[in-house]
Amino acid sequence: MALLEFKNISKFYYGNQVLKNVSLTVHKGEIHGLVGENGAGKSTLMNILFGMPVIHLTGGYEGQIILEGVPVSFRSPAEAMAAGIGMVHQEFMLIPGFNVAENIKLNRENTRANLVSRILGPKLRTIDVRKNRADARRALDRLGMALDETVPVGGLPVGHMQFIEIAREIDKENSKVVVFDEPTAVLTESEAEQFLKAAQKLAAGGMGVLFISHRLDEIIKICDRITVLRDGEVVASLSRSEASVEKLAELMVGRKISRLTVAEKKSGSQKPILELINFSVDMPGERVEDLSLKIYEGEILGIGGLAGHGKIGIANGIMGLCPARGTVLKNGKQLPLGNPMRMLNEGMAFVSEDRRGVGLLTDESIELNIVVAAMQSQNRFLKRPLPFFTLEDRAAIREHALKMIRELDIRCLGPQQTVRSLSGGNQQKVCIARAITLSPDILFVSEPTRGIDIGAKRIVLDLLLKLNREMGVTVVMTSSELAELRAICNRIAIVYKGRLAGILEPTASDLDFGLMMAGEYEQRGAAQA
């Protein structure tokens, strides 16, 4: 008997059909892969399973969900969790003010009796902090995560937050099915490997795992069966032996997609456009310590390294989003730290790795998100019909938004659609569109392809190359995807324990990159900053 079945699931949003008779089955002890482009319907299908309010507020759905042979229709996430359905969402659902253990044990806290509870009832029992922390520690250890369970979640790197989400599901005792929605999107290769082993352990224990990912290599590596969605329909269901990266990619997008290859790159000048001298950043989990680095005009510089070693902190510190100290020179002029607006006015733009927390106004329209930074820092997309009286130039905003939607292939209903209702990958494209709109001469992009499908990844990377080649934008790209850094970067700086371990050419060997990321690389003629 199947553990979980979707039978002929259909869903309409405001007259648009986003799922069309979708059927798939998950068995006990199976890891079932679900792949598709952004907007293919994967997240909508999971929202239906989990009883998310957005489904019921927009007319519900057609079809049937069967759990252990019994039809179910959850009206809320609480009902789904009580029935043994767990989910690690693509966007984090953590409370920043709570510590790691409190987030892992939220709504499932261990308690102990006290004098008051013995008299007035169990609702007044005391939370057993020590036992909750021990449970959290056990779940983190199963993931190979050395993160302190007592530290607050607010301010932690997104990679750490993802492990906390996963640890919360691992800690649950009644789980029958767990859904992982892009669980490795923000993880480095070594962290992703740790997670994949944990997922296999869950399945080996009899749980059903539904694994959604754009990393097709991972899908093929651990999934027993794979279902492919395209435009809301199931176009194929394959066993692992039948699948290949190329075949899955072609099924997803309806056309052949080539793997990433190293592009012919424009040569940067030897004139430093930005220089960091003894630069330090106090970003929790991604601290930078006394780092010095030169960024040359017209190049694409990659910044890589393992999670927690500081690569994410560099751009956040430069752009004033985290406390920083040291010296930042742009074209020889020293810039003040801790002033994001000044950095925007100096011709620098930033696409954050945390699109929901930093990058977007999720309840506003696509078009407003694209132009808001340019309106605030450059007074663009505004008109002044009378002195001291400024209005939005709605025609200019609409024209520019439509251009960005077209060029970046943002899958949406139109420029007025709210960003919150977009898929994760399309939200990321809106972040990139906003940065491009600022017309910067230096563009920092942190994890630019996080949560984006294989076809859209090429669009984004080609866009970065186009900005560099045709518009002369200096690009600084921070990524956990070494293959992407090697595909488009002129040089790749590796950060280890908050310091610059060295700089490698993209053609350097895997061994050199691995040794440098591990802090064991010996200088053998590597390029210097």
Protein backbone atom coordinates (compact mmCIF):
# COMPACT_ATOMS: atom_id res chain seq x y z
CA MET A 1 0.00 0.00 0.00
CA ALA A 2 1.23 3.47 -0.88
CA LEU A 3 2.11 5.81 1.97
CA LEU A 4 1.00 8.99 0.18
CA GLU A 5 -0.96 9.45 -3.05
CA PHE A 6 -1.92 12.51 -5.07
CA LYS A 7 -4.79 11.70 -7.44
CA ASN A 8 -5.73 14.05 -10.28
CA ILE A 9 -4.92 17.25 -8.38
CA SER A 10 -5.96 20.44 -10.18
CA LYS A 11 -5.76 24.02 -8.96
CA PHE A 12 -6.87 27.39 -10.36
CA TYR A 13 -5.59 30.80 -9.25
CA TYR A 14 -7.86 33.65 -10.37
CA GLY A 15 -8.90 31.81 -13.52
CA ASN A 16 -5.40 30.48 -14.34
CA GLN A 17 -4.91 26.73 -14.08
CA VAL A 18 -1.58 26.08 -12.35
CA LEU A 19 -2.02 22.32 -11.75
CA LYS A 20 -3.68 19.92 -14.22
CA ASN A 21 -4.61 16.42 -13.04
CA VAL A 22 -1.34 15.80 -11.20
CA SER A 23 -0.90 12.27 -9.83
CA LEU A 24 2.08 10.76 -8.00
CA THR A 25 2.74 8.19 -5.28
CA VAL A 26 5.24 8.00 -2.41
CA HIS A 27 5.96 4.65 -0.71
CA LYS A 28 7.41 3.90 2.72
CA GLY A 29 11.19 4.03 2.72
CA GLU A 30 11.24 5.80 -0.65
CA ILE A 31 12.83 9.08 -1.65
CA HIS A 32 10.65 10.46 -4.46
CA GLY A 33 12.07 13.35 -6.47
CA LEU A 34 9.89 16.15 -7.84
CA VAL A 35 11.46 18.46 -10.41
CA GLY A 36 10.28 21.26 -12.69
CA GLU A 37 11.02 24.83 -13.65
CA ASN A 38 10.04 27.70 -11.38
CA GLY A 39 6.31 28.17 -11.84
CA ALA A 40 5.75 24.53 -12.86
CA GLY A 41 3.49 23.98 -9.84
CA LYS A 42 5.72 22.14 -7.35
CA SER A 43 5.24 24.55 -4.44
CA THR A 44 1.49 24.81 -5.12
CA LEU A 45 1.18 21.02 -4.93
CA MET A 46 3.00 21.02 -1.59
CA ASN A 47 0.85 23.88 -0.29
CA ILE A 48 -2.20 21.74 -1.05
CA LEU A 49 -0.72 18.78 0.82
CA PHE A 50 0.16 20.92 3.83
CA GLY A 51 -3.22 22.69 4.06
CA MET A 52 -1.77 26.16 3.55
CA PRO A 53 -4.39 28.95 3.92
CA VAL A 54 -3.58 30.39 0.48
CA ILE A 55 -5.14 27.28 -1.09
CA HIS A 56 -8.45 27.53 0.75
CA LEU A 57 -8.64 31.31 0.36
CA THR A 58 -8.42 30.95 -3.44
CA GLY A 59 -11.14 28.35 -4.01
CA GLY A 60 -9.53 25.13 -2.82
CA TYR A 61 -8.51 22.38 -5.25
CA GLU A 62 -9.83 19.42 -7.20
CA GLY A 63 -8.68 15.83 -6.81
CA GLN A 64 -7.80 13.68 -3.84
CA ILE A 65 -4.93 13.15 -1.37
CA ILE A 66 -4.68 9.73 0.30
CA LEU A 67 -2.48 9.10 3.35
CA GLU A 68 -1.99 5.44 4.33
CA GLY A 69 -5.12 4.49 2.40
CA VAL A 70 -7.34 7.16 3.96
CA PRO A 71 -8.48 10.27 1.99
CA VAL A 72 -7.39 13.48 3.73
CA SER A 73 -7.91 17.19 3.12
CA PHE A 74 -6.00 19.29 5.61
CA ARG A 75 -7.44 22.71 6.41
CA SER A 76 -4.31 23.96 8.14
CA PRO A 77 -0.61 23.11 8.57
CA ALA A 78 -1.39 22.10 12.18
CA GLU A 79 -3.71 19.35 10.89
CA ALA A 80 -1.08 18.14 8.44
CA MET A 81 1.62 18.02 11.12
CA ALA A 82 -0.68 16.17 13.51
CA ALA A 83 -1.23 13.55 10.80
CA GLY A 84 2.53 13.05 10.39
CA ILE A 85 3.27 15.33 7.43
CA GLY A 86 6.42 17.41 7.81
CA MET A 87 7.80 20.04 5.48
CA VAL A 88 10.97 22.08 5.15
CA HIS A 89 9.81 25.04 3.10
CA GLN A 90 11.86 26.84 0.48
CA GLU A 91 11.45 30.04 2.53
CA PHE A 92 12.37 29.83 6.19
CA MET A 93 9.71 29.67 8.90
CA LEU A 94 11.81 30.51 11.93
CA ILE A 95 11.35 33.01 14.74
CA PRO A 96 14.44 35.30 14.74
CA GLY A 97 14.16 36.19 18.44
CA PHE A 98 14.16 32.53 19.54
CA ASN A 99 17.32 30.52 19.86
CA VAL A 100 18.12 27.43 17.78
CA ALA A 101 16.71 24.91 20.27
CA GLU A 102 13.52 26.92 20.78
CA ASN A 103 12.90 26.98 17.02
CA ILE A 104 13.55 23.25 16.66
CA LYS A 105 11.16 22.37 19.52
CA LEU A 106 8.52 25.03 18.78
CA ASN A 107 5.00 23.77 19.68
CA ARG A 108 6.49 20.42 20.75
CA GLU A 109 8.34 21.57 23.87
CA ASN A 110 9.18 19.13 26.66
CA THR A 111 7.67 20.25 29.95
CA ARG A 112 7.91 19.26 33.60
CA ALA A 113 5.46 19.54 36.45
CA ASN A 114 5.64 22.29 39.04
CA LEU A 115 3.67 23.16 42.14
CA VAL A 116 1.19 25.36 40.25
CA SER A 117 0.55 22.81 37.49
CA ARG A 118 -0.15 20.11 40.05
CA ILE A 119 -2.93 22.28 41.47
CA LEU A 120 -4.31 24.12 38.41
CA GLY A 121 -3.60 21.70 35.60
CA PRO A 122 -1.00 20.62 32.99
CA LYS A 123 -1.27 23.80 30.89
CA LEU A 124 0.86 25.55 33.52
CA ARG A 125 3.74 23.06 33.40
CA THR A 126 7.25 24.52 33.11
CA ILE A 127 9.21 24.22 29.86
CA ASP A 128 12.10 21.80 30.34
CA VAL A 129 14.84 23.90 28.77
CA ARG A 130 17.60 21.35 29.39
CA LYS A 131 15.72 18.48 27.71
CA ASN A 132 14.68 20.68 24.76
CA ARG A 133 18.30 21.67 24.21
CA ALA A 134 19.38 18.03 24.41
CA ASP A 135 16.80 17.04 21.76
CA ALA A 136 17.91 19.91 19.52
CA ARG A 137 21.55 18.91 19.96
CA ARG A 138 20.72 15.34 18.95
CA ALA A 139 18.94 16.48 15.77
CA LEU A 140 21.79 18.83 14.82
CA ASP A 141 24.34 16.09 15.42
CA ARG A 142 22.46 13.79 13.03
CA LEU A 143 23.04 16.47 10.39
CA GLY A 144 26.70 16.82 11.35
CA MET A 145 26.04 20.44 12.36
CA ALA A 146 28.24 21.93 15.09
CA LEU A 147 26.00 24.97 15.52
CA ASP A 148 25.43 26.01 19.16
CA GLU A 149 21.79 25.27 20.02
CA THR A 150 21.61 28.23 22.42
CA VAL A 151 22.40 31.05 19.96
CA PRO A 152 19.58 33.27 18.59
CA VAL A 153 18.46 32.49 15.04
CA GLY A 154 18.26 36.17 14.03
CA GLY A 155 21.37 37.15 12.09
CA LEU A 156 22.56 33.60 11.32
CA PRO A 157 23.57 32.84 7.72
CA VAL A 158 20.87 31.33 5.55
CA GLY A 159 22.76 28.03 5.31
CA HIS A 160 22.60 27.62 9.08
CA MET A 161 18.89 28.49 9.05
CA GLN A 162 18.23 25.75 6.52
CA PHE A 163 19.86 23.15 8.76
CA ILE A 164 17.70 24.35 11.67
CA GLU A 165 14.58 23.83 9.53
CA ILE A 166 15.74 20.33 8.63
CA ALA A 167 16.67 19.53 12.25
CA ARG A 168 13.14 20.47 13.33
CA GLU A 169 11.66 17.80 11.04
CA ILE A 170 14.23 15.21 12.08
CA ASP A 171 13.30 15.79 15.73
CA LYS A 172 9.61 14.97 15.22
CA GLU A 173 8.60 11.51 16.46
CA ASN A 174 5.34 10.99 14.51
CA SER A 175 6.56 11.91 11.03
CA LYS A 176 5.36 9.62 8.25
CA VAL A 177 6.18 11.82 5.26
CA VAL A 178 8.64 14.69 5.10
CA VAL A 179 8.77 17.13 2.19
CA PHE A 180 12.03 18.91 1.42
CA ASP A 181 11.46 21.95 -0.80
CA GLU A 182 14.87 23.01 -2.18
CA PRO A 183 16.65 21.96 1.05
CA THR A 184 20.18 22.27 -0.37
CA ALA A 185 19.72 25.49 -2.32
CA VAL A 186 21.63 27.55 0.25
CA LEU A 187 24.11 24.84 1.26
CA THR A 188 27.68 24.36 0.11
CA GLU A 189 28.62 21.11 -1.59
CA SER A 190 29.96 19.56 1.63
CA GLU A 191 26.89 20.65 3.60
CA ALA A 192 24.59 19.29 0.89
CA GLU A 193 26.40 15.97 1.11
CA GLN A 194 25.71 15.89 4.85
CA PHE A 195 22.05 16.58 4.24
CA LEU A 196 21.68 13.89 1.56
CA LYS A 197 23.05 11.29 3.96
CA ALA A 198 20.54 12.41 6.61
CA ALA A 199 17.67 12.14 4.09
CA GLN A 200 18.72 8.60 3.20
CA LYS A 201 18.74 7.68 6.90
CA LEU A 202 15.17 8.97 7.26
CA ALA A 203 14.00 6.86 4.33
CA ALA A 204 15.88 3.82 5.63
CA GLY A 205 13.89 4.17 8.86
CA GLY A 206 10.62 3.72 6.93
CA MET A 207 9.67 7.33 6.33
CA GLY A 208 8.54 8.60 2.94
CA VAL A 209 10.59 11.50 1.58
CA LEU A 210 9.38 13.86 -1.14
CA PHE A 211 12.45 15.72 -2.38
CA ILE A 212 12.09 18.88 -4.50
CA SER A 213 15.29 20.29 -5.95
CA HIS A 214 16.79 22.08 -8.92
CA ARG A 215 20.08 20.28 -8.34
CA LEU A 216 19.47 17.44 -10.75
CA ASP A 217 22.69 15.62 -9.84
CA GLU A 218 21.38 15.32 -6.27
CA ILE A 219 17.98 14.14 -7.48
CA ILE A 220 19.53 11.32 -9.50
CA LYS A 221 21.94 10.44 -6.72
CA ILE A 222 19.43 9.74 -3.94
CA CYS A 223 15.91 9.47 -5.40
CA ASP A 224 14.34 6.09 -6.11
CA ARG A 225 11.80 7.60 -8.52
CA ILE A 226 11.46 11.03 -10.12
CA THR A 227 8.34 12.89 -11.28
CA VAL A 228 8.75 15.79 -13.73
CA LEU A 229 6.28 18.70 -13.81
CA ARG A 230 6.01 21.16 -16.69
CA ASP A 231 3.41 23.93 -16.83
CA GLY A 232 1.40 22.28 -14.05
CA GLU A 233 1.27 18.80 -15.62
CA VAL A 234 3.14 15.55 -15.04
CA VAL A 235 5.18 14.97 -18.20
CA ALA A 236 7.20 11.98 -16.99
CA SER A 237 7.77 9.59 -14.10
CA LEU A 238 11.16 7.86 -14.17
CA SER A 239 13.17 5.44 -12.11
CA ARG A 240 16.68 6.48 -11.10
CA SER A 241 18.21 4.15 -13.70
CA GLU A 242 16.20 5.81 -16.48
CA ALA A 243 17.18 9.37 -15.55
CA SER A 244 20.09 11.60 -16.54
CA VAL A 245 20.70 15.30 -15.93
CA GLU A 246 20.26 16.08 -19.62
CA LYS A 247 17.05 14.04 -19.93
CA LEU A 248 15.46 15.62 -16.83
CA ALA A 249 16.44 19.12 -17.95
CA GLU A 250 14.93 18.56 -21.39
CA LEU A 251 11.70 17.20 -19.89
CA MET A 252 11.48 20.16 -17.48
CA VAL A 253 11.79 22.91 -20.06
CA GLY A 254 10.68 21.19 -23.26
CA ARG A 255 13.98 21.84 -24.99
CA LYS A 256 17.55 20.65 -24.75
CA ILE A 257 19.61 22.32 -22.00
CA SER A 258 23.38 22.03 -21.95
CA ARG A 259 25.40 21.78 -18.76
CA LEU A 260 27.32 24.80 -17.57
CA THR A 261 30.57 25.27 -19.44
CA VAL A 262 33.30 27.82 -18.92
CA ALA A 263 32.39 30.90 -20.93
CA GLU A 264 34.76 33.07 -22.90
CA LYS A 265 35.27 35.88 -20.44
CA LYS A 266 36.11 39.52 -20.93
CA SER A 267 39.50 40.41 -19.52
CA GLY A 268 39.41 42.88 -16.65
CA SER A 269 41.87 45.74 -16.43
CA GLN A 270 44.65 45.89 -13.86
CA LYS A 271 43.20 49.07 -12.38
CA PRO A 272 41.65 48.45 -8.94
CA ILE A 273 38.09 49.79 -8.79
CA LEU A 274 37.55 48.63 -5.21
CA GLU A 275 40.09 47.79 -2.54
CA LEU A 276 39.54 46.28 0.89
CA ILE A 277 42.27 46.82 3.45
CA ASN A 278 42.23 45.03 6.82
CA PHE A 279 38.48 44.64 6.37
CA SER A 280 36.42 42.92 9.10
CA VAL A 281 32.69 42.23 9.33
CA ASP A 282 30.68 41.20 12.39
CA MET A 283 28.07 39.03 10.68
CA PRO A 284 26.90 36.16 12.92
CA GLY A 285 28.11 32.88 11.47
CA GLU A 286 29.95 34.59 8.58
CA ARG A 287 32.51 36.85 10.24
CA VAL A 288 35.30 38.40 8.20
CA GLU A 289 38.66 38.99 9.90
CA ASP A 290 41.32 41.40 8.63
CA LEU A 291 40.78 40.63 4.94
CA SER A 292 42.57 42.55 2.19
CA LEU A 293 41.49 42.21 -1.45
CA LYS A 294 41.70 44.15 -4.72
CA ILE A 295 38.83 44.05 -7.22
CA TYR A 296 39.80 45.12 -10.73
CA GLU A 297 37.71 47.26 -13.02
CA GLY A 298 35.72 45.27 -15.58
CA GLU A 299 36.31 41.82 -14.12
CA ILE A 300 33.97 39.21 -12.71
CA LEU A 301 35.42 38.21 -9.36
CA GLY A 302 34.09 35.11 -7.65
CA ILE A 303 34.10 34.66 -3.90
CA GLY A 304 33.84 31.08 -2.65
CA GLY A 305 34.44 29.00 0.44
CA LEU A 306 32.62 26.78 2.87
CA ALA A 307 29.61 28.04 4.82
CA GLY A 308 30.48 29.89 7.99
CA HIS A 309 33.90 31.05 6.84
CA GLY A 310 32.94 34.60 5.87
CA LYS A 311 32.28 34.67 2.14
CA ILE A 312 28.71 35.92 2.67
CA GLY A 313 29.86 38.58 5.12
CA ILE A 314 32.04 40.51 2.65
CA ALA A 315 29.29 42.06 0.51
CA ASN A 316 26.99 42.54 3.52
CA GLY A 317 29.74 44.48 5.28
CA ILE A 318 30.65 46.63 2.29
CA MET A 319 27.01 47.55 1.66
CA GLY A 320 26.45 48.52 5.30
CA LEU A 321 24.05 45.72 6.26
CA CYS A 322 26.37 44.39 8.98
CA PRO A 323 28.83 46.20 11.28
CA ALA A 324 32.22 46.50 9.60
CA ARG A 325 35.59 48.09 10.18
CA GLY A 326 38.72 48.64 8.13
CA THR A 327 39.19 50.54 4.88
CA VAL A 328 37.15 50.43 1.66
CA LEU A 329 38.52 52.42 -1.29
CA LYS A 330 36.60 52.99 -4.53
CA ASN A 331 38.77 54.43 -7.29
CA GLY A 332 41.18 55.48 -4.57
CA LYS A 333 38.56 57.34 -2.47
CA GLN A 334 37.79 56.05 1.00
CA LEU A 335 34.11 55.31 1.62
CA PRO A 336 32.32 55.47 4.97
CA LEU A 337 31.16 52.16 6.42
CA GLY A 338 27.68 51.41 7.72
CA ASN A 339 25.86 53.63 5.23
CA PRO A 340 23.84 51.62 2.64
CA MET A 341 22.41 54.71 0.90
CA ARG A 342 25.88 56.17 0.41
CA MET A 343 27.07 52.92 -1.16
CA LEU A 344 24.12 52.97 -3.59
CA ASN A 345 24.93 56.57 -4.48
CA GLU A 346 28.56 55.57 -5.09
CA GLY A 347 27.45 53.24 -7.89
CA MET A 348 27.30 49.93 -6.03
CA ALA A 349 24.31 47.58 -5.97
CA PHE A 350 23.71 44.37 -4.04
CA VAL A 351 21.60 41.26 -4.57
CA SER A 352 21.36 39.66 -1.13
CA GLU A 353 21.36 35.93 -0.47
CA ASP A 354 18.34 36.51 1.79
CA ARG A 355 15.74 37.59 -0.75
CA ARG A 356 12.79 37.51 1.66
CA GLY A 357 14.50 39.14 4.63
CA VAL A 358 16.55 41.79 2.80
CA GLY A 359 15.85 41.80 -0.90
CA LEU A 360 12.11 42.23 -1.33
CA LEU A 361 8.96 44.05 -0.26
CA THR A 362 6.92 40.88 -0.44
CA ASP A 363 3.47 42.45 -0.14
CA GLU A 364 4.15 45.01 -2.90
CA SER A 365 3.97 44.64 -6.67
CA ILE A 366 6.71 43.36 -8.93
CA GLU A 367 7.05 46.75 -10.62
CA LEU A 368 7.44 48.65 -7.34
CA ASN A 369 10.06 46.18 -6.11
CA ILE A 370 12.05 46.65 -9.31
CA VAL A 371 12.17 50.45 -9.15
CA VAL A 372 11.96 51.31 -5.43
CA ALA A 373 15.72 51.51 -4.80
CA ALA A 374 16.26 53.72 -7.86
CA MET A 375 13.41 55.98 -6.74
CA GLN A 376 14.89 56.39 -3.26
CA SER A 377 18.57 56.77 -4.09
CA GLN A 378 18.53 58.28 -7.60
CA ASN A 379 15.16 60.08 -7.81
CA ARG A 380 14.30 58.11 -10.94
CA PHE A 381 10.80 57.08 -12.05
CA LEU A 382 9.45 60.26 -10.49
CA LYS A 383 7.85 63.33 -12.02
CA ARG A 384 7.32 66.80 -10.59
CA PRO A 385 4.23 68.51 -12.10
CA LEU A 386 4.57 71.34 -9.59
CA PRO A 387 7.49 72.65 -7.50
CA PHE A 388 7.90 70.71 -4.24
CA PHE A 389 5.31 68.17 -5.44
CA THR A 390 6.57 64.75 -6.58
CA LEU A 391 4.59 61.83 -8.01
CA GLU A 392 5.45 58.36 -9.24
CA ASP A 393 5.91 58.21 -13.00
CA ARG A 394 3.63 55.23 -13.43
CA ALA A 395 4.06 55.00 -17.20
CA ALA A 396 7.87 54.88 -16.87
CA ILE A 397 7.64 52.36 -14.03
CA ARG A 398 5.36 50.08 -16.05
CA GLU A 399 7.51 50.31 -19.18
CA HIS A 400 10.69 49.47 -17.30
CA ALA A 401 9.07 46.64 -15.31
CA LEU A 402 7.74 45.02 -18.49
CA LYS A 403 11.23 45.22 -20.00
CA MET A 404 12.79 43.51 -16.95
CA ILE A 405 10.07 40.86 -16.86
CA ARG A 406 10.74 40.08 -20.51
CA GLU A 407 14.55 40.09 -20.35
CA LEU A 408 14.81 38.06 -17.13
CA ASP A 409 11.92 35.73 -18.01
CA ILE A 410 10.07 36.48 -14.76
CA ARG A 411 7.11 34.08 -14.74
CA CYS A 412 4.17 36.15 -13.50
CA LEU A 413 0.65 37.33 -14.30
CA GLY A 414 1.86 40.89 -14.87
CA PRO A 415 3.85 43.73 -13.28
CA GLN A 416 1.13 44.41 -10.71
CA GLN A 417 1.25 40.92 -9.20
CA THR A 418 2.52 40.86 -5.61
CA VAL A 419 5.99 39.43 -5.13
CA ARG A 420 4.84 37.16 -2.30
CA SER A 421 2.77 35.11 -4.75
CA LEU A 422 5.74 34.38 -7.04
CA SER A 423 7.79 31.20 -6.89
CA GLY A 424 11.15 31.46 -5.14
CA GLY A 425 13.19 31.56 -8.32
CA ASN A 426 11.09 34.34 -9.80
CA GLN A 427 11.44 36.33 -6.58
CA GLN A 428 15.21 36.04 -7.04
CA LYS A 429 14.91 37.41 -10.57
CA VAL A 430 13.02 40.44 -9.22
CA CYS A 431 15.93 41.07 -6.82
CA ILE A 432 18.36 41.01 -9.74
CA ALA A 433 16.10 43.31 -11.78
CA ARG A 434 16.10 45.85 -8.94
CA ALA A 435 19.89 45.83 -8.76
CA ILE A 436 20.25 46.21 -12.53
CA THR A 437 17.82 49.14 -12.48
CA LEU A 438 20.32 51.11 -10.36
CA SER A 439 22.79 51.02 -13.32
CA PRO A 440 25.73 50.26 -11.01
CA ASP A 441 29.38 50.14 -11.99
CA ILE A 442 29.94 47.48 -9.30
CA LEU A 443 27.35 44.76 -8.73
CA PHE A 444 27.58 42.41 -5.75
CA VAL A 445 25.51 39.26 -6.20
CA SER A 446 25.28 36.74 -3.37
CA GLU A 447 23.99 33.27 -4.28
CA PRO A 448 22.28 34.68 -7.43
CA THR A 449 20.93 31.33 -8.63
CA ARG A 450 19.70 30.07 -5.28
CA GLY A 451 16.38 28.27 -5.82
CA ILE A 452 16.41 28.82 -9.58
CA ASP A 453 15.86 25.96 -12.00
CA ILE A 454 18.43 24.73 -14.49
CA GLY A 455 17.03 26.68 -17.45
CA ALA A 456 16.76 29.95 -15.52
CA LYS A 457 20.28 29.55 -14.10
CA ARG A 458 21.71 29.95 -17.57
CA ILE A 459 19.57 33.06 -18.12
CA VAL A 460 20.88 34.66 -14.93
CA LEU A 461 24.53 33.77 -15.56
CA ASP A 462 24.29 34.95 -19.16
CA LEU A 463 22.78 38.19 -17.87
CA LEU A 464 25.73 38.74 -15.52
CA LEU A 465 28.10 38.10 -18.43
CA LYS A 466 26.15 40.55 -20.59
CA LEU A 467 26.28 43.26 -17.91
CA ASN A 468 30.01 42.74 -17.65
CA ARG A 469 30.82 42.52 -21.36
CA GLU A 470 28.44 45.04 -22.87
CA MET A 471 27.90 47.54 -20.05
CA GLY A 472 31.28 47.31 -18.36
CA VAL A 473 29.84 46.45 -14.93
CA THR A 474 32.34 44.98 -12.49
CA VAL A 475 30.65 41.93 -10.94
CA VAL A 476 31.52 40.38 -7.57
CA MET A 477 29.71 37.05 -7.31
CA THR A 478 29.55 35.11 -4.04
CA SER A 479 28.34 31.55 -4.50
CA SER A 480 28.37 28.10 -2.96
CA GLU A 481 28.20 26.69 -6.51
CA LEU A 482 31.83 26.30 -7.56
CA ALA A 483 30.81 25.21 -11.07
CA GLU A 484 28.99 28.53 -11.60
CA LEU A 485 31.95 30.56 -10.33
CA ARG A 486 34.26 28.70 -12.69
CA ALA A 487 31.84 29.20 -15.59
CA ILE A 488 31.82 33.01 -15.60
CA CYS A 489 34.52 34.43 -13.28
CA ASN A 490 37.95 35.80 -14.21
CA ARG A 491 39.34 35.02 -10.75
CA ILE A 492 37.98 33.19 -7.72
CA ALA A 493 38.89 34.32 -4.20
CA ILE A 494 38.55 31.65 -1.51
CA VAL A 495 37.76 32.68 2.06
CA TYR A 496 38.77 30.49 5.00
CA LYS A 497 38.08 31.35 8.64
CA GLY A 498 37.22 34.92 7.68
CA ARG A 499 40.47 35.56 5.85
CA LEU A 500 41.56 35.41 2.22
CA ALA A 501 43.08 31.97 1.71
CA GLY A 502 44.11 32.80 -1.83
CA ILE A 503 42.95 33.50 -5.37
CA LEU A 504 42.71 30.86 -8.10
CA GLU A 505 42.09 30.90 -11.81
CA PRO A 506 38.77 29.21 -12.75
CA THR A 507 40.78 26.56 -14.59
CA ALA A 508 42.62 25.50 -11.41
CA SER A 509 42.19 21.87 -10.40
CA ASP A 510 39.46 20.58 -8.10
CA LEU A 511 42.23 19.55 -5.72
CA ASP A 512 43.53 23.12 -5.48
CA PHE A 513 40.05 24.46 -4.74
CA GLY A 514 39.40 21.73 -2.18
CA LEU A 515 42.68 22.28 -0.36
CA MET A 516 42.21 26.04 -0.27
CA MET A 517 38.65 25.75 1.08
CA ALA A 518 39.98 23.41 3.78
CA GLY A 519 42.75 25.85 4.73
CA GLU A 520 45.48 23.46 3.63
CA TYR A 521 46.52 24.98 0.34
CA GLU A 522 50.20 25.76 -0.07
CA GLN A 523 51.07 28.76 -2.21
CA ARG A 524 52.21 27.31 -5.51
CA GLY A 525 52.25 30.28 -7.75
CA ALA A 526 48.57 31.12 -7.22
CA ALA A 527 47.53 34.58 -8.33
CA GLN A 528 47.68 37.24 -5.63
CA ALA A 529 45.07 39.89 -4.93
